[in-house]
Amino acid sequence: MKPLFFFTLFLLGACFSKAQCIFVYVNEKVKGVEIPIVSEEFKIYVNDTLKATRMSKSDGCLGRIPLEKGTYKVKIVSPGFSEGSKADVVVNESRTTDVEMLLTKQAAVKEEEKKKK
């Protein structure tokens, strides 16, 4: 009986909470295919304020970043990759927003710059 009571309380709390967040995912394009970036450390900035430093997981996820309802600019930085940025990320009340960033490795960025010259 006690487990059912606590489960009911948990369920009610989840239904009435006003939690909202973003999940940031990082990918890179290799030979035309987007693949997750795994085991790299990224700094996550929201509206130019450092919110977290996270290691990417096997699916490229950098985890949950709780935010208030509103519109944000999300930027991620890692030494081995180009900077990723998304403007106008909308966070709604009681919702999760996925933010996907497509990055390139620094070596690939330098090669592109050489080709332009």
N, C-alpha and C. Protein backbone atom coordinates (compact mmCIF):
# COMPACT_ATOMS: atom_id res chain seq x y z
N MET A 1 0.82 -1.19 0.00
CA MET A 1 0.00 0.00 0.00
C MET A 1 0.87 1.27 0.00
N LYS A 2 1.95 1.26 0.81
CA LYS A 2 2.82 2.45 0.87
C LYS A 2 3.45 2.76 -0.48
N PRO A 3 3.97 1.75 -1.21
CA PRO A 3 4.56 2.08 -2.52
C PRO A 3 3.55 2.73 -3.47
N LEU A 4 2.31 2.28 -3.45
CA LEU A 4 1.28 2.86 -4.30
C LEU A 4 1.02 4.32 -3.91
N PHE A 5 1.01 4.61 -2.62
CA PHE A 5 0.79 5.97 -2.13
C PHE A 5 1.91 6.90 -2.61
N PHE A 6 3.17 6.46 -2.45
CA PHE A 6 4.29 7.30 -2.87
C PHE A 6 4.33 7.46 -4.39
N PHE A 7 3.98 6.42 -5.11
CA PHE A 7 3.93 6.52 -6.56
C PHE A 7 2.87 7.53 -7.00
N THR A 8 1.72 7.52 -6.35
CA THR A 8 0.66 8.46 -6.66
C THR A 8 1.11 9.89 -6.39
N LEU A 9 1.79 10.10 -5.25
CA LEU A 9 2.30 11.44 -4.94
C LEU A 9 3.31 11.89 -6.00
N PHE A 10 4.20 11.00 -6.39
CA PHE A 10 5.20 11.32 -7.41
C PHE A 10 4.52 11.68 -8.73
N LEU A 11 3.52 10.92 -9.12
CA LEU A 11 2.80 11.16 -10.36
C LEU A 11 2.09 12.50 -10.33
N LEU A 12 1.44 12.82 -9.23
CA LEU A 12 0.77 14.12 -9.09
C LEU A 12 1.77 15.27 -9.14
N GLY A 13 2.90 15.10 -8.48
CA GLY A 13 3.94 16.13 -8.51
C GLY A 13 4.46 16.37 -9.91
N ALA A 14 4.66 15.30 -10.66
CA ALA A 14 5.15 15.42 -12.04
C ALA A 14 4.13 16.10 -12.93
N CYS A 15 2.85 15.83 -12.70
CA CYS A 15 1.80 16.42 -13.53
C CYS A 15 1.63 17.92 -13.27
N PHE A 16 1.82 18.35 -12.04
CA PHE A 16 1.57 19.74 -11.69
C PHE A 16 2.82 20.59 -11.61
N SER A 17 3.98 20.02 -11.83
CA SER A 17 5.20 20.82 -11.81
C SER A 17 5.30 21.63 -13.09
N LYS A 18 5.96 22.74 -13.02
CA LYS A 18 6.12 23.60 -14.19
C LYS A 18 7.56 23.59 -14.65
N ALA A 19 8.14 22.40 -14.71
CA ALA A 19 9.54 22.25 -15.11
C ALA A 19 9.65 22.32 -16.62
N GLN A 20 10.64 23.04 -17.08
CA GLN A 20 10.95 23.09 -18.50
C GLN A 20 12.46 23.11 -18.65
N CYS A 21 12.93 22.60 -19.79
CA CYS A 21 14.37 22.49 -19.97
C CYS A 21 14.70 22.33 -21.45
N ILE A 22 16.01 22.33 -21.72
CA ILE A 22 16.48 21.99 -23.05
C ILE A 22 17.43 20.80 -22.92
N PHE A 23 17.47 19.99 -23.95
CA PHE A 23 18.46 18.93 -24.09
C PHE A 23 19.28 19.30 -25.31
N VAL A 24 20.60 19.39 -25.14
CA VAL A 24 21.49 19.77 -26.24
C VAL A 24 22.16 18.51 -26.79
N TYR A 25 22.12 18.36 -28.12
CA TYR A 25 22.74 17.23 -28.80
C TYR A 25 23.79 17.77 -29.77
N VAL A 26 24.96 17.12 -29.83
CA VAL A 26 26.01 17.53 -30.75
C VAL A 26 26.30 16.42 -31.76
N ASN A 27 26.38 16.82 -33.02
CA ASN A 27 26.65 15.90 -34.12
C ASN A 27 27.70 16.51 -35.03
N GLU A 28 28.35 15.65 -35.81
CA GLU A 28 29.24 16.12 -36.86
C GLU A 28 28.90 15.38 -38.14
N LYS A 29 29.18 16.01 -39.27
CA LYS A 29 28.89 15.40 -40.57
C LYS A 29 30.16 14.74 -41.07
N VAL A 30 30.10 13.42 -41.28
CA VAL A 30 31.23 12.65 -41.79
C VAL A 30 30.76 11.94 -43.05
N LYS A 31 31.36 12.30 -44.16
CA LYS A 31 31.01 11.71 -45.47
C LYS A 31 29.51 11.79 -45.74
N GLY A 32 28.93 12.93 -45.43
CA GLY A 32 27.52 13.16 -45.71
C GLY A 32 26.55 12.60 -44.69
N VAL A 33 27.05 11.98 -43.64
CA VAL A 33 26.18 11.38 -42.63
C VAL A 33 26.42 12.08 -41.29
N GLU A 34 25.33 12.46 -40.61
CA GLU A 34 25.45 13.07 -39.29
C GLU A 34 25.60 11.98 -38.24
N ILE A 35 26.69 12.06 -37.45
CA ILE A 35 26.91 11.10 -36.38
C ILE A 35 27.10 11.84 -35.06
N PRO A 36 26.72 11.24 -33.94
CA PRO A 36 26.89 11.89 -32.64
C PRO A 36 28.37 12.05 -32.29
N ILE A 37 28.68 13.15 -31.63
CA ILE A 37 30.03 13.36 -31.10
C ILE A 37 30.04 12.75 -29.71
N VAL A 38 30.94 11.81 -29.47
CA VAL A 38 30.95 11.03 -28.23
C VAL A 38 32.18 11.37 -27.39
N SER A 39 31.98 11.44 -26.09
CA SER A 39 33.05 11.62 -25.10
C SER A 39 33.92 12.86 -25.32
N GLU A 40 33.30 13.96 -25.64
CA GLU A 40 33.98 15.25 -25.76
C GLU A 40 33.37 16.20 -24.74
N GLU A 41 34.21 17.06 -24.17
CA GLU A 41 33.73 18.02 -23.18
C GLU A 41 33.31 19.32 -23.87
N PHE A 42 32.14 19.82 -23.53
CA PHE A 42 31.60 21.04 -24.10
C PHE A 42 31.18 22.00 -23.00
N LYS A 43 31.39 23.29 -23.25
CA LYS A 43 30.86 24.34 -22.38
C LYS A 43 29.57 24.82 -23.03
N ILE A 44 28.51 24.93 -22.22
CA ILE A 44 27.22 25.34 -22.73
C ILE A 44 26.91 26.74 -22.18
N TYR A 45 26.69 27.68 -23.11
CA TYR A 45 26.35 29.05 -22.76
C TYR A 45 24.90 29.32 -23.15
N VAL A 46 24.17 29.97 -22.27
CA VAL A 46 22.80 30.39 -22.56
C VAL A 46 22.77 31.91 -22.38
N ASN A 47 22.43 32.61 -23.45
CA ASN A 47 22.46 34.08 -23.46
C ASN A 47 23.81 34.60 -22.97
N ASP A 48 24.88 34.02 -23.48
CA ASP A 48 26.27 34.41 -23.19
C ASP A 48 26.69 34.21 -21.73
N THR A 49 25.95 33.40 -20.99
CA THR A 49 26.31 33.05 -19.61
C THR A 49 26.59 31.56 -19.55
N LEU A 50 27.75 31.18 -19.00
CA LEU A 50 28.10 29.77 -18.88
C LEU A 50 27.12 29.08 -17.94
N LYS A 51 26.40 28.08 -18.46
CA LYS A 51 25.42 27.34 -17.65
C LYS A 51 25.97 26.00 -17.17
N ALA A 52 26.81 25.35 -17.99
CA ALA A 52 27.30 24.02 -17.61
C ALA A 52 28.48 23.62 -18.48
N THR A 53 29.26 22.68 -17.95
CA THR A 53 30.30 22.00 -18.72
C THR A 53 29.95 20.53 -18.66
N ARG A 54 29.74 19.93 -19.82
CA ARG A 54 29.28 18.54 -19.87
C ARG A 54 30.06 17.72 -20.87
N MET A 55 30.13 16.42 -20.60
CA MET A 55 30.74 15.44 -21.50
C MET A 55 29.61 14.83 -22.34
N SER A 56 29.83 14.75 -23.65
CA SER A 56 28.81 14.18 -24.53
C SER A 56 28.71 12.67 -24.33
N LYS A 57 27.49 12.17 -24.41
CA LYS A 57 27.22 10.74 -24.22
C LYS A 57 27.21 10.02 -25.57
N SER A 58 26.89 8.76 -25.56
CA SER A 58 26.93 7.94 -26.77
C SER A 58 25.97 8.41 -27.86
N ASP A 59 24.91 9.12 -27.48
CA ASP A 59 23.97 9.65 -28.47
C ASP A 59 24.23 11.13 -28.78
N GLY A 60 25.34 11.67 -28.27
CA GLY A 60 25.69 13.06 -28.49
C GLY A 60 25.00 14.03 -27.54
N CYS A 61 24.27 13.50 -26.58
CA CYS A 61 23.52 14.35 -25.65
C CYS A 61 24.44 14.96 -24.60
N LEU A 62 24.24 16.24 -24.35
CA LEU A 62 24.99 16.93 -23.30
C LEU A 62 24.16 17.07 -22.03
N GLY A 63 22.98 16.53 -22.03
CA GLY A 63 22.17 16.51 -20.82
C GLY A 63 21.13 17.61 -20.76
N ARG A 64 20.48 17.65 -19.61
CA ARG A 64 19.34 18.53 -19.35
C ARG A 64 19.83 19.85 -18.77
N ILE A 65 19.36 20.95 -19.32
CA ILE A 65 19.65 22.29 -18.82
C ILE A 65 18.31 22.93 -18.45
N PRO A 66 18.01 23.07 -17.15
CA PRO A 66 16.73 23.69 -16.76
C PRO A 66 16.73 25.19 -17.02
N LEU A 67 15.65 25.69 -17.59
CA LEU A 67 15.50 27.11 -17.91
C LEU A 67 14.07 27.56 -17.63
N GLU A 68 13.92 28.84 -17.41
CA GLU A 68 12.58 29.43 -17.29
C GLU A 68 11.97 29.54 -18.69
N LYS A 69 10.67 29.68 -18.73
CA LYS A 69 9.96 29.88 -19.99
C LYS A 69 10.51 31.15 -20.66
N GLY A 70 10.80 31.06 -21.96
CA GLY A 70 11.32 32.22 -22.67
C GLY A 70 12.03 31.84 -23.95
N THR A 71 12.73 32.82 -24.54
CA THR A 71 13.49 32.63 -25.77
C THR A 71 14.97 32.88 -25.46
N TYR A 72 15.83 31.98 -25.93
CA TYR A 72 17.24 32.01 -25.56
C TYR A 72 18.15 31.84 -26.77
N LYS A 73 19.41 32.24 -26.58
CA LYS A 73 20.48 31.94 -27.52
C LYS A 73 21.36 30.90 -26.83
N VAL A 74 21.57 29.76 -27.48
CA VAL A 74 22.37 28.67 -26.91
C VAL A 74 23.65 28.53 -27.73
N LYS A 75 24.79 28.49 -27.03
CA LYS A 75 26.08 28.36 -27.70
C LYS A 75 26.87 27.26 -27.00
N ILE A 76 27.58 26.44 -27.79
CA ILE A 76 28.45 25.41 -27.20
C ILE A 76 29.85 25.57 -27.76
N VAL A 77 30.84 25.28 -26.90
CA VAL A 77 32.24 25.47 -27.26
C VAL A 77 33.04 24.26 -26.78
N SER A 78 33.92 23.76 -27.66
CA SER A 78 34.85 22.71 -27.32
C SER A 78 36.12 22.95 -28.13
N PRO A 79 37.30 22.76 -27.52
CA PRO A 79 38.55 23.07 -28.22
C PRO A 79 38.74 22.35 -29.57
N GLY A 80 38.23 21.15 -29.73
CA GLY A 80 38.47 20.39 -30.96
C GLY A 80 37.46 20.62 -32.06
N PHE A 81 36.45 21.46 -31.83
CA PHE A 81 35.36 21.62 -32.79
C PHE A 81 35.03 23.09 -33.02
N SER A 82 34.31 23.33 -34.14
CA SER A 82 33.81 24.67 -34.40
C SER A 82 32.78 25.03 -33.33
N GLU A 83 32.55 26.31 -33.16
CA GLU A 83 31.56 26.77 -32.19
C GLU A 83 30.16 26.54 -32.76
N GLY A 84 29.26 26.05 -31.92
CA GLY A 84 27.88 25.86 -32.34
C GLY A 84 26.99 26.88 -31.67
N SER A 85 26.02 27.40 -32.41
CA SER A 85 25.15 28.43 -31.86
C SER A 85 23.77 28.33 -32.47
N LYS A 86 22.75 28.51 -31.65
CA LYS A 86 21.36 28.57 -32.12
C LYS A 86 20.70 29.74 -31.43
N ALA A 87 20.10 30.61 -32.23
CA ALA A 87 19.37 31.75 -31.69
C ALA A 87 17.88 31.42 -31.67
N ASP A 88 17.15 32.14 -30.88
CA ASP A 88 15.69 32.01 -30.81
C ASP A 88 15.22 30.61 -30.44
N VAL A 89 15.87 30.01 -29.45
CA VAL A 89 15.43 28.72 -28.93
C VAL A 89 14.29 29.01 -27.94
N VAL A 90 13.11 28.51 -28.26
CA VAL A 90 11.93 28.78 -27.45
C VAL A 90 11.75 27.66 -26.42
N VAL A 91 11.63 28.06 -25.16
CA VAL A 91 11.37 27.13 -24.07
C VAL A 91 9.97 27.41 -23.56
N ASN A 92 9.09 26.41 -23.70
CA ASN A 92 7.71 26.56 -23.25
C ASN A 92 7.52 25.95 -21.88
N GLU A 93 6.49 26.40 -21.21
CA GLU A 93 6.18 25.91 -19.86
C GLU A 93 5.87 24.42 -19.89
N SER A 94 6.46 23.68 -18.97
CA SER A 94 6.23 22.24 -18.81
C SER A 94 6.59 21.44 -20.06
N ARG A 95 7.60 21.88 -20.79
CA ARG A 95 8.02 21.19 -22.01
C ARG A 95 9.52 21.02 -22.04
N THR A 96 9.97 20.06 -22.82
CA THR A 96 11.38 19.84 -23.08
C THR A 96 11.65 20.23 -24.53
N THR A 97 12.71 20.98 -24.77
CA THR A 97 13.07 21.41 -26.11
C THR A 97 14.42 20.78 -26.47
N ASP A 98 14.48 20.07 -27.60
CA ASP A 98 15.73 19.50 -28.08
C ASP A 98 16.44 20.54 -28.94
N VAL A 99 17.74 20.73 -28.68
CA VAL A 99 18.56 21.66 -29.46
C VAL A 99 19.68 20.83 -30.08
N GLU A 100 19.66 20.71 -31.40
CA GLU A 100 20.68 19.94 -32.10
C GLU A 100 21.69 20.87 -32.76
N MET A 101 22.97 20.59 -32.52
CA MET A 101 24.06 21.39 -33.08
C MET A 101 24.87 20.51 -34.03
N LEU A 102 25.14 21.01 -35.23
CA LEU A 102 25.98 20.32 -36.19
C LEU A 102 27.32 21.03 -36.23
N LEU A 103 28.38 20.34 -35.80
CA LEU A 103 29.71 20.93 -35.68
C LEU A 103 30.67 20.28 -36.66
N THR A 104 31.81 20.93 -36.87
CA THR A 104 32.89 20.34 -37.65
C THR A 104 34.15 20.35 -36.82
N LYS A 105 35.03 19.38 -37.06
CA LYS A 105 36.30 19.32 -36.34
C LYS A 105 37.17 20.49 -36.77
N GLN A 106 38.03 20.97 -35.88
CA GLN A 106 38.89 22.12 -36.17
C GLN A 106 39.78 21.88 -37.38
N ALA A 107 40.30 20.68 -37.56
CA ALA A 107 41.15 20.39 -38.72
C ALA A 107 40.38 20.60 -40.01
N ALA A 108 39.11 20.21 -40.04
CA ALA A 108 38.28 20.38 -41.23
C ALA A 108 38.00 21.86 -41.48
N VAL A 109 37.84 22.64 -40.42
CA VAL A 109 37.60 24.07 -40.57
C VAL A 109 38.82 24.75 -41.17
N LYS A 110 40.01 24.38 -40.73
CA LYS A 110 41.25 24.97 -41.26
C LYS A 110 41.43 24.62 -42.74
N GLU A 111 41.07 23.41 -43.14
CA GLU A 111 41.17 23.01 -44.55
C GLU A 111 40.25 23.86 -45.42
N GLU A 112 39.04 24.14 -44.94
CA GLU A 112 38.09 24.95 -45.70
C GLU A 112 38.62 26.37 -45.87
N GLU A 113 39.27 26.93 -44.84
CA GLU A 113 39.83 28.26 -44.92
C GLU A 113 40.95 28.32 -45.95
N LYS A 114 41.78 27.27 -46.02
CA LYS A 114 42.85 27.23 -47.02
C LYS A 114 42.30 27.21 -48.43
N LYS A 115 41.21 26.47 -48.66
CA LYS A 115 40.61 26.37 -49.98
C LYS A 115 40.05 27.71 -50.44
N LYS A 116 39.54 28.51 -49.50
CA LYS A 116 38.97 29.82 -49.85
C LYS A 116 40.04 30.82 -50.28
N LYS A 117 41.27 30.66 -49.82
CA LYS A 117 42.34 31.61 -50.13
C LYS A 117 42.94 31.37 -51.46
